[in-house]
Amino acid sequence: MNSFDRSTSTSTTTGMWRVVFYERRGYRIHMDRTGPWLPSKSQAQHWANWFGQLGYHVALQDQTGGMERLSPGLP
């Protein structure tokens, strides 16, 4: 694996990130919507925190599909 493959196959602070919104439906959690792709993790983290304070269940998704759950209670 070359350095480009390693840099794109791991979840780091570089690359594109977006906020993912979840909705609880009974005992199930459903991915409801996704936000636009943002150029940095810090921007996505900022928006995720803002939406989380408004009561939304959120996670961060990187460009490789990896997820970081931010709201308590998400699987």
PDB file of N, CA and C in Angstrom:
ATOM      1  N   MET A   1       0.851  -1.174   0.000  1.00  0.00           N
ATOM      2  CA  MET A   1       0.000   0.000   0.000  1.00  0.00           C
ATOM      3  C   MET A   1       0.897   1.238   0.000  1.00  0.00           C
ATOM      4  N   ASN A   2       0.648   2.148  -0.936  1.00  0.00           N
ATOM      5  CA  ASN A   2       1.469   3.360  -0.988  1.00  0.00           C
ATOM      6  C   ASN A   2       0.939   4.434  -0.039  1.00  0.00           C
ATOM      7  N   SER A   3       1.649   5.551   0.061  1.00  0.00           N
ATOM      8  CA  SER A   3       1.276   6.591   1.031  1.00  0.00           C
ATOM      9  C   SER A   3      -0.082   7.210   0.710  1.00  0.00           C
ATOM     10  N   PHE A   4      -0.443   7.310  -0.583  1.00  0.00           N
ATOM     11  CA  PHE A   4      -1.752   7.855  -0.925  1.00  0.00           C
ATOM     12  C   PHE A   4      -2.867   6.937  -0.431  1.00  0.00           C
ATOM     13  N   ASP A   5      -2.726   5.635  -0.642  1.00  0.00           N
ATOM     14  CA  ASP A   5      -3.730   4.679  -0.187  1.00  0.00           C
ATOM     15  C   ASP A   5      -3.870   4.717   1.329  1.00  0.00           C
ATOM     16  N   ARG A   6      -2.755   4.819   2.036  1.00  0.00           N
ATOM     17  CA  ARG A   6      -2.819   4.877   3.499  1.00  0.00           C
ATOM     18  C   ARG A   6      -3.526   6.135   3.965  1.00  0.00           C
ATOM     19  N   SER A   7      -3.266   7.255   3.298  1.00  0.00           N
ATOM     20  CA  SER A   7      -3.870   8.514   3.733  1.00  0.00           C
ATOM     21  C   SER A   7      -5.366   8.559   3.450  1.00  0.00           C
ATOM     22  N   THR A   8      -5.835   7.870   2.415  1.00  0.00           N
ATOM     23  CA  THR A   8      -7.262   7.897   2.106  1.00  0.00           C
ATOM     24  C   THR A   8      -8.029   6.750   2.742  1.00  0.00           C
ATOM     25  N   SER A   9      -7.330   5.732   3.232  1.00  0.00           N
ATOM     26  CA  SER A   9      -8.040   4.589   3.797  1.00  0.00           C
ATOM     27  C   SER A   9      -8.237   4.697   5.293  1.00  0.00           C
ATOM     28  N   THR A  10      -7.635   5.687   5.923  1.00  0.00           N
ATOM     29  CA  THR A  10      -7.791   5.846   7.366  1.00  0.00           C
ATOM     30  C   THR A  10      -8.578   7.101   7.665  1.00  0.00           C
ATOM     31  N   SER A  11      -9.247   7.094   8.776  1.00  0.00           N
ATOM     32  CA  SER A  11     -10.033   8.241   9.197  1.00  0.00           C
ATOM     33  C   SER A  11      -9.128   9.206   9.956  1.00  0.00           C
ATOM     34  N   THR A  12      -8.831  10.339   9.364  1.00  0.00           N
ATOM     35  CA  THR A  12      -7.983  11.340   9.990  1.00  0.00           C
ATOM     36  C   THR A  12      -8.707  12.670  10.008  1.00  0.00           C
ATOM     37  N   THR A  13      -8.003  13.679  10.455  1.00  0.00           N
ATOM     38  CA  THR A  13      -8.625  15.000  10.489  1.00  0.00           C
ATOM     39  C   THR A  13      -8.602  15.675   9.126  1.00  0.00           C
ATOM     40  N   THR A  14      -7.911  15.099   8.145  1.00  0.00           N
ATOM     41  CA  THR A  14      -7.897  15.673   6.805  1.00  0.00           C
ATOM     42  C   THR A  14      -8.989  15.026   5.971  1.00  0.00           C
ATOM     43  N   GLY A  15      -9.293  15.627   4.843  1.00  0.00           N
ATOM     44  CA  GLY A  15     -10.322  15.071   3.974  1.00  0.00           C
ATOM     45  C   GLY A  15     -11.666  15.727   4.213  1.00  0.00           C
ATOM     46  N   MET A  16     -12.669  15.191   3.590  1.00  0.00           N
ATOM     47  CA  MET A  16     -14.019  15.746   3.660  1.00  0.00           C
ATOM     48  C   MET A  16     -14.810  15.076   4.779  1.00  0.00           C
ATOM     49  N   TRP A  17     -15.630  15.868   5.448  1.00  0.00           N
ATOM     50  CA  TRP A  17     -16.459  15.406   6.564  1.00  0.00           C
ATOM     51  C   TRP A  17     -17.857  15.987   6.416  1.00  0.00           C
ATOM     52  N   ARG A  18     -18.842  15.292   6.980  1.00  0.00           N
ATOM     53  CA  ARG A  18     -20.198  15.838   7.010  1.00  0.00           C
ATOM     54  C   ARG A  18     -20.904  15.390   8.280  1.00  0.00           C
ATOM     55  N   VAL A  19     -21.959  16.119   8.599  1.00  0.00           N
ATOM     56  CA  VAL A  19     -22.789  15.807   9.763  1.00  0.00           C
ATOM     57  C   VAL A  19     -23.911  14.879   9.292  1.00  0.00           C
ATOM     58  N   VAL A  20     -24.144  13.828  10.055  1.00  0.00           N
ATOM     59  CA  VAL A  20     -25.217  12.875   9.772  1.00  0.00           C
ATOM     60  C   VAL A  20     -26.238  12.989  10.897  1.00  0.00           C
ATOM     61  N   PHE A  21     -27.502  13.070  10.535  1.00  0.00           N
ATOM     62  CA  PHE A  21     -28.581  13.226  11.503  1.00  0.00           C
ATOM     63  C   PHE A  21     -29.322  11.907  11.664  1.00  0.00           C
ATOM     64  N   TYR A  22     -29.602  11.559  12.915  1.00  0.00           N
ATOM     65  CA  TYR A  22     -30.332  10.330  13.228  1.00  0.00           C
ATOM     66  C   TYR A  22     -31.673  10.668  13.839  1.00  0.00           C
ATOM     67  N   GLU A  23     -32.628   9.771  13.645  1.00  0.00           N
ATOM     68  CA  GLU A  23     -33.954   9.923  14.216  1.00  0.00           C
ATOM     69  C   GLU A  23     -34.309   8.620  14.932  1.00  0.00           C
ATOM     70  N   ARG A  24     -34.829   8.751  16.130  1.00  0.00           N
ATOM     71  CA  ARG A  24     -35.280   7.569  16.869  1.00  0.00           C
ATOM     72  C   ARG A  24     -36.715   7.249  16.459  1.00  0.00           C
ATOM     73  N   ARG A  25     -36.938   5.982  16.144  1.00  0.00           N
ATOM     74  CA  ARG A  25     -38.285   5.494  15.822  1.00  0.00           C
ATOM     75  C   ARG A  25     -38.532   4.280  16.693  1.00  0.00           C
ATOM     76  N   GLY A  26     -39.150   4.498  17.824  1.00  0.00           N
ATOM     77  CA  GLY A  26     -39.343   3.415  18.779  1.00  0.00           C
ATOM     78  C   GLY A  26     -38.006   2.963  19.317  1.00  0.00           C
ATOM     79  N   TYR A  27     -37.699   1.685  19.140  1.00  0.00           N
ATOM     80  CA  TYR A  27     -36.424   1.149  19.593  1.00  0.00           C
ATOM     81  C   TYR A  27     -35.356   1.174  18.494  1.00  0.00           C
ATOM     82  N   ARG A  28     -35.703   1.701  17.354  1.00  0.00           N
ATOM     83  CA  ARG A  28     -34.762   1.740  16.228  1.00  0.00           C
ATOM     84  C   ARG A  28     -34.211   3.149  16.048  1.00  0.00           C
ATOM     85  N   ILE A  29     -33.009   3.199  15.501  1.00  0.00           N
ATOM     86  CA  ILE A  29     -32.386   4.472  15.153  1.00  0.00           C
ATOM     87  C   ILE A  29     -32.176   4.472  13.652  1.00  0.00           C
ATOM     88  N   HIS A  30     -32.692   5.496  13.003  1.00  0.00           N
ATOM     89  CA  HIS A  30     -32.704   5.574  11.542  1.00  0.00           C
ATOM     90  C   HIS A  30     -31.871   6.777  11.096  1.00  0.00           C
ATOM     91  N   MET A  31     -30.941   6.565  10.135  1.00  0.00           N
ATOM     92  CA  MET A  31     -30.206   7.697   9.586  1.00  0.00           C
ATOM     93  C   MET A  31     -31.182   8.516   8.769  1.00  0.00           C
ATOM     94  N   ASP A  32     -31.435   9.728   9.222  1.00  0.00           N
ATOM     95  CA  ASP A  32     -32.472  10.564   8.638  1.00  0.00           C
ATOM     96  C   ASP A  32     -31.957  11.404   7.471  1.00  0.00           C
ATOM     97  N   ARG A  33     -30.927  12.190   7.725  1.00  0.00           N
ATOM     98  CA  ARG A  33     -30.406  13.091   6.696  1.00  0.00           C
ATOM     99  C   ARG A  33     -28.905  13.250   6.855  1.00  0.00           C
ATOM    100  N   THR A  34     -28.294  13.785   5.822  1.00  0.00           N
ATOM    101  CA  THR A  34     -26.870  14.116   5.891  1.00  0.00           C
ATOM    102  C   THR A  34     -26.691  15.555   5.446  1.00  0.00           C
ATOM    103  N   GLY A  35     -25.709  16.205   6.038  1.00  0.00           N
ATOM    104  CA  GLY A  35     -25.377  17.564   5.651  1.00  0.00           C
ATOM    105  C   GLY A  35     -24.420  17.574   4.475  1.00  0.00           C
ATOM    106  N   PRO A  36     -24.049  18.761   4.019  1.00  0.00           N
ATOM    107  CA  PRO A  36     -23.105  18.856   2.905  1.00  0.00           C
ATOM    108  C   PRO A  36     -21.698  18.461   3.345  1.00  0.00           C
ATOM    109  N   TRP A  37     -20.873  18.073   2.388  1.00  0.00           N
ATOM    110  CA  TRP A  37     -19.483  17.755   2.686  1.00  0.00           C
ATOM    111  C   TRP A  37     -18.754  19.038   3.030  1.00  0.00           C
ATOM    112  N   LEU A  38     -17.945  18.984   4.090  1.00  0.00           N
ATOM    113  CA  LEU A  38     -17.171  20.136   4.543  1.00  0.00           C
ATOM    114  C   LEU A  38     -15.684  19.818   4.425  1.00  0.00           C
ATOM    115  N   PRO A  39     -14.845  20.819   4.183  1.00  0.00           N
ATOM    116  CA  PRO A  39     -13.431  20.565   3.910  1.00  0.00           C
ATOM    117  C   PRO A  39     -12.591  20.196   5.116  1.00  0.00           C
ATOM    118  N   SER A  40     -13.124  20.346   6.334  1.00  0.00           N
ATOM    119  CA  SER A  40     -12.310  19.997   7.503  1.00  0.00           C
ATOM    120  C   SER A  40     -13.183  19.378   8.595  1.00  0.00           C
ATOM    121  N   LYS A  41     -12.550  18.563   9.405  1.00  0.00           N
ATOM    122  CA  LYS A  41     -13.248  17.941  10.526  1.00  0.00           C
ATOM    123  C   LYS A  41     -13.685  18.983  11.543  1.00  0.00           C
ATOM    124  N   SER A  42     -12.870  20.021  11.732  1.00  0.00           N
ATOM    125  CA  SER A  42     -13.221  21.045  12.727  1.00  0.00           C
ATOM    126  C   SER A  42     -14.501  21.774  12.343  1.00  0.00           C
ATOM    127  N   GLN A  43     -14.710  22.044  11.058  1.00  0.00           N
ATOM    128  CA  GLN A  43     -15.967  22.673  10.633  1.00  0.00           C
ATOM    129  C   GLN A  43     -17.146  21.739  10.863  1.00  0.00           C
ATOM    130  N   ALA A  44     -16.984  20.479  10.509  1.00  0.00           N
ATOM    131  CA  ALA A  44     -18.062  19.506  10.719  1.00  0.00           C
ATOM    132  C   ALA A  44     -18.350  19.347  12.212  1.00  0.00           C
ATOM    133  N   GLN A  45     -17.304  19.323  13.034  1.00  0.00           N
ATOM    134  CA  GLN A  45     -17.469  19.214  14.488  1.00  0.00           C
ATOM    135  C   GLN A  45     -18.236  20.416  15.033  1.00  0.00           C
ATOM    136  N   HIS A  46     -17.909  21.598  14.535  1.00  0.00           N
ATOM    137  CA  HIS A  46     -18.604  22.817  14.955  1.00  0.00           C
ATOM    138  C   HIS A  46     -20.109  22.711  14.678  1.00  0.00           C
ATOM    139  N   TRP A  47     -20.455  22.327  13.444  1.00  0.00           N
ATOM    140  CA  TRP A  47     -21.871  22.213  13.087  1.00  0.00           C
ATOM    141  C   TRP A  47     -22.559  21.087  13.858  1.00  0.00           C
ATOM    142  N   ALA A  48     -21.864  19.979  14.051  1.00  0.00           N
ATOM    143  CA  ALA A  48     -22.444  18.864  14.814  1.00  0.00           C
ATOM    144  C   ALA A  48     -22.733  19.300  16.251  1.00  0.00           C
ATOM    145  N   ASN A  49     -21.817  20.028  16.861  1.00  0.00           N
ATOM    146  CA  ASN A  49     -22.052  20.524  18.221  1.00  0.00           C
ATOM    147  C   ASN A  49     -23.243  21.473  18.264  1.00  0.00           C
ATOM    148  N   TRP A  50     -23.343  22.340  17.250  1.00  0.00           N
ATOM    149  CA  TRP A  50     -24.442  23.298  17.207  1.00  0.00           C
ATOM    150  C   TRP A  50     -25.790  22.584  17.090  1.00  0.00           C
ATOM    151  N   PHE A  51     -25.876  21.627  16.156  1.00  0.00           N
ATOM    152  CA  PHE A  51     -27.120  20.878  16.000  1.00  0.00           C
ATOM    153  C   PHE A  51     -27.400  20.008  17.221  1.00  0.00           C
ATOM    154  N   GLY A  52     -26.358  19.454  17.834  1.00  0.00           N
ATOM    155  CA  GLY A  52     -26.537  18.665  19.048  1.00  0.00           C
ATOM    156  C   GLY A  52     -27.128  19.487  20.177  1.00  0.00           C
ATOM    157  N   GLN A  53     -26.716  20.745  20.299  1.00  0.00           N
ATOM    158  CA  GLN A  53     -27.270  21.624  21.328  1.00  0.00           C
ATOM    159  C   GLN A  53     -28.736  21.952  21.067  1.00  0.00           C
ATOM    160  N   LEU A  54     -29.149  21.849  19.814  1.00  0.00           N
ATOM    161  CA  LEU A  54     -30.563  22.068  19.464  1.00  0.00           C
ATOM    162  C   LEU A  54     -31.406  20.812  19.666  1.00  0.00           C
ATOM    163  N   GLY A  55     -30.771  19.702  20.064  1.00  0.00           N
ATOM    164  CA  GLY A  55     -31.508  18.486  20.358  1.00  0.00           C
ATOM    165  C   GLY A  55     -31.450  17.407  19.299  1.00  0.00           C
ATOM    166  N   TYR A  56     -30.716  17.627  18.228  1.00  0.00           N
ATOM    167  CA  TYR A  56     -30.592  16.609  17.186  1.00  0.00           C
ATOM    168  C   TYR A  56     -29.605  15.530  17.616  1.00  0.00           C
ATOM    169  N   HIS A  57     -29.831  14.300  17.155  1.00  0.00           N
ATOM    170  CA  HIS A  57     -28.885  13.202  17.340  1.00  0.00           C
ATOM    171  C   HIS A  57     -27.973  13.222  16.120  1.00  0.00           C
ATOM    172  N   VAL A  58     -26.668  13.426  16.352  1.00  0.00           N
ATOM    173  CA  VAL A  58     -25.749  13.614  15.236  1.00  0.00           C
ATOM    174  C   VAL A  58     -24.516  12.728  15.351  1.00  0.00           C
ATOM    175  N   ALA A  59     -23.890  12.536  14.203  1.00  0.00           N
ATOM    176  CA  ALA A  59     -22.611  11.844  14.103  1.00  0.00           C
ATOM    177  C   ALA A  59     -21.820  12.538  13.000  1.00  0.00           C
ATOM    178  N   LEU A  60     -20.524  12.265  12.957  1.00  0.00           N
ATOM    179  CA  LEU A  60     -19.678  12.759  11.873  1.00  0.00           C
ATOM    180  C   LEU A  60     -19.339  11.598  10.951  1.00  0.00           C
ATOM    181  N   GLN A  61     -19.328  11.862   9.661  1.00  0.00           N
ATOM    182  CA  GLN A  61     -18.949  10.849   8.682  1.00  0.00           C
ATOM    183  C   GLN A  61     -17.789  11.394   7.862  1.00  0.00           C
ATOM    184  N   ASP A  62     -16.736  10.576   7.708  1.00  0.00           N
ATOM    185  CA  ASP A  62     -15.622  11.000   6.863  1.00  0.00           C
ATOM    186  C   ASP A  62     -15.838  10.502   5.440  1.00  0.00           C
ATOM    187  N   GLN A  63     -14.965  10.913   4.535  1.00  0.00           N
ATOM    188  CA  GLN A  63     -15.159  10.604   3.123  1.00  0.00           C
ATOM    189  C   GLN A  63     -15.036   9.124   2.802  1.00  0.00           C
ATOM    190  N   THR A  64     -14.469   8.324   3.716  1.00  0.00           N
ATOM    191  CA  THR A  64     -14.371   6.886   3.481  1.00  0.00           C
ATOM    192  C   THR A  64     -15.570   6.128   4.045  1.00  0.00           C
ATOM    193  N   GLY A  65     -16.505   6.847   4.689  1.00  0.00           N
ATOM    194  CA  GLY A  65     -17.692   6.217   5.247  1.00  0.00           C
ATOM    195  C   GLY A  65     -17.601   5.936   6.729  1.00  0.00           C
ATOM    196  N   GLY A  66     -16.444   6.180   7.342  1.00  0.00           N
ATOM    197  CA  GLY A  66     -16.289   5.969   8.783  1.00  0.00           C
ATOM    198  C   GLY A  66     -17.146   6.936   9.574  1.00  0.00           C
ATOM    199  N   MET A  67     -17.696   6.462  10.689  1.00  0.00           N
ATOM    200  CA  MET A  67     -18.598   7.287  11.492  1.00  0.00           C
ATOM    201  C   MET A  67     -18.022   7.515  12.877  1.00  0.00           C
ATOM    202  N   GLU A  68     -18.248   8.697  13.401  1.00  0.00           N
ATOM    203  CA  GLU A  68     -17.946   9.032  14.787  1.00  0.00           C
ATOM    204  C   GLU A  68     -19.253   9.500  15.422  1.00  0.00           C
ATOM    205  N   ARG A  69     -19.798   8.671  16.288  1.00  0.00           N
ATOM    206  CA  ARG A  69     -21.056   9.024  16.944  1.00  0.00           C
ATOM    207  C   ARG A  69     -20.783  10.050  18.029  1.00  0.00           C
ATOM    208  N   LEU A  70     -21.546  11.132  18.031  1.00  0.00           N
ATOM    209  CA  LEU A  70     -21.354  12.201  19.002  1.00  0.00           C
ATOM    210  C   LEU A  70     -22.478  12.273  20.017  1.00  0.00           C
ATOM    211  N   SER A  71     -23.662  11.846  19.639  1.00  0.00           N
ATOM    212  CA  SER A  71     -24.802  11.904  20.543  1.00  0.00           C
ATOM    213  C   SER A  71     -24.851  10.665  21.414  1.00  0.00           C
ATOM    214  N   PRO A  72     -25.135  10.833  22.706  1.00  0.00           N
ATOM    215  CA  PRO A  72     -25.263   9.645  23.565  1.00  0.00           C
ATOM    216  C   PRO A  72     -26.447   8.787  23.125  1.00  0.00           C
ATOM    217  N   GLY A  73     -26.271   7.487  23.210  1.00  0.00           N
ATOM    218  CA  GLY A  73     -27.341   6.562  22.878  1.00  0.00           C
ATOM    219  C   GLY A  73     -27.329   6.056  21.451  1.00  0.00           C
ATOM    220  N   LEU A  74     -26.411   6.540  20.612  1.00  0.00           N
ATOM    221  CA  LEU A  74     -26.337   6.014  19.241  1.00  0.00           C
ATOM    222  C   LEU A  74     -25.544   4.720  19.239  1.00  0.00           C
ATOM    223  N   PRO A  75     -25.956   3.742  18.452  1.00  0.00           N
ATOM    224  CA  PRO A  75     -25.224   2.464  18.424  1.00  0.00           C
ATOM    225  C   PRO A  75     -23.879   2.602  17.728  1.00  0.00           C
TER     226      PRO A  75
END
